[in-house]
Amino acid sequence: MHNRKKVLLKKSEKTLKSHLKNYKVKFFGNKDLDELWSEKDDDKNGWLDKFEAENFVKEVARIIDQDRAKNFDMSEFPKLFEKFDEDKNGYLSKGEMAQFIKIVFKGS
């Protein structure tokens, strides 16, 4: 049943772009965040596990406005992953990741 829930949620999941539409920040690079998400989602299940999310966040820190990037300490990632995994299923959805980005990469 747990996997069925994830499949149903995946089908209705909004894009990261839509989750972050009111987040005023500049990302640099050739890929948008949804393309980056797809690239880092190794098993293509639509969610990022801790390893996939860590790789995604490292790339976000590299391409986000550097004034925001300096607010993030990668050593805090394990604790932050647990905090933003609201349903405690061991994965971050795009909505949970959007909250992660908005709060962790806040402006100075």
Protein backbone atom coordinates (compact mmCIF):
# COMPACT_ATOMS: atom_id res chain seq x y z
CA MET A 1 0.00 0.00 0.00
CA HIS A 2 2.88 2.37 0.81
CA ASN A 3 4.30 2.09 -2.74
CA ARG A 4 0.81 2.57 -4.20
CA LYS A 5 0.48 5.83 -2.27
CA LYS A 6 3.80 7.04 -3.72
CA VAL A 7 2.72 6.14 -7.26
CA LEU A 8 -0.56 8.02 -6.86
CA LEU A 9 1.21 11.05 -5.41
CA LYS A 10 3.84 10.98 -8.14
CA LYS A 11 1.20 11.26 -10.84
CA SER A 12 -0.30 14.40 -9.28
CA GLU A 13 3.00 15.97 -8.20
CA LYS A 14 3.54 19.56 -9.26
CA THR A 15 6.85 20.64 -10.75
CA LEU A 16 9.55 22.20 -8.60
CA LYS A 17 9.22 25.29 -10.76
CA SER A 18 5.57 25.63 -9.76
CA HIS A 19 6.36 25.03 -6.08
CA LEU A 20 9.02 27.77 -6.23
CA LYS A 21 7.20 30.27 -8.46
CA ASN A 22 7.06 32.94 -5.72
CA TYR A 23 10.62 32.28 -4.50
CA LYS A 24 12.70 35.19 -5.79
CA VAL A 25 16.08 33.70 -6.55
CA LYS A 26 18.38 33.26 -9.51
CA PHE A 27 19.67 29.85 -10.55
CA PHE A 28 22.61 29.67 -12.94
CA GLY A 29 23.26 26.90 -15.42
CA ASN A 30 21.67 25.24 -18.41
CA LYS A 31 19.19 23.00 -16.55
CA ASP A 32 16.09 24.01 -14.71
CA LEU A 33 15.43 22.41 -11.33
CA ASP A 34 13.00 19.84 -12.69
CA GLU A 35 15.60 18.62 -15.20
CA LEU A 36 18.15 18.48 -12.38
CA TRP A 37 15.63 16.54 -10.24
CA SER A 38 15.15 13.99 -13.02
CA GLU A 39 18.90 13.65 -13.43
CA LYS A 40 19.50 13.04 -9.71
CA ASP A 41 16.48 10.73 -9.28
CA ASP A 42 18.53 7.59 -9.99
CA ASP A 43 15.69 5.09 -9.65
CA LYS A 44 13.20 7.35 -11.49
CA ASN A 45 10.49 6.94 -8.85
CA GLY A 46 9.74 10.67 -8.67
CA TRP A 47 11.12 11.06 -5.13
CA LEU A 48 14.64 11.60 -3.84
CA ASP A 49 16.04 9.32 -1.16
CA LYS A 50 18.73 10.67 1.16
CA PHE A 51 21.61 9.88 -1.22
CA GLU A 52 19.80 11.31 -4.27
CA ALA A 53 18.66 14.38 -2.32
CA GLU A 54 22.20 15.04 -1.09
CA ASN A 55 23.47 15.03 -4.68
CA PHE A 56 20.60 17.28 -5.75
CA VAL A 57 21.23 19.78 -2.94
CA LYS A 58 24.96 19.88 -3.69
CA GLU A 59 24.13 20.89 -7.25
CA VAL A 60 21.55 23.45 -6.09
CA ALA A 61 24.21 24.99 -3.82
CA ARG A 62 26.50 25.23 -6.85
CA ILE A 63 23.96 26.89 -9.18
CA ILE A 64 21.96 29.10 -6.79
CA ASP A 65 22.75 32.75 -6.18
CA GLN A 66 25.93 32.65 -4.08
CA ASP A 67 24.50 35.02 -1.45
CA ARG A 68 22.01 32.27 -0.67
CA ALA A 69 24.44 29.37 -1.12
CA LYS A 70 26.67 30.67 1.67
CA ASN A 71 23.77 30.15 4.12
CA PHE A 72 23.93 26.39 3.61
CA ASP A 73 26.34 24.08 5.43
CA MET A 74 26.50 20.66 3.77
CA SER A 75 27.47 19.03 7.08
CA GLU A 76 23.93 19.86 8.27
CA PHE A 77 22.32 17.92 5.40
CA PRO A 78 21.48 14.67 7.29
CA LYS A 79 19.65 16.60 10.01
CA LEU A 80 17.90 18.82 7.45
CA PHE A 81 16.80 15.81 5.39
CA GLU A 82 15.08 14.37 8.45
CA LYS A 83 13.45 17.72 9.23
CA PHE A 84 12.03 18.25 5.73
CA ASP A 85 10.93 14.63 5.23
CA GLU A 86 7.55 15.57 6.69
CA ASP A 87 5.90 12.18 6.25
CA LYS A 88 9.03 10.33 7.45
CA ASN A 89 9.03 7.93 4.48
CA GLY A 90 12.77 8.30 3.77
CA TYR A 91 12.19 10.34 0.61
CA LEU A 92 11.73 13.99 -0.26
CA SER A 93 8.92 14.92 -2.61
CA LYS A 94 9.18 18.00 -4.81
CA GLY A 95 7.00 19.87 -2.32
CA GLU A 96 9.25 18.91 0.58
CA MET A 97 12.36 19.84 -1.43
CA ALA A 98 10.81 23.20 -2.34
CA GLN A 99 10.40 23.93 1.38
CA PHE A 100 14.00 22.80 1.95
CA ILE A 101 15.26 25.21 -0.71
CA LYS A 102 13.12 28.15 0.47
CA ILE A 103 14.18 27.83 4.10
CA VAL A 104 17.76 26.54 3.91
CA PHE A 105 18.80 28.79 1.01
CA LYS A 106 17.16 31.88 2.45
CA GLY A 107 18.40 35.33 1.53
CA SER A 108 20.83 37.18 3.73
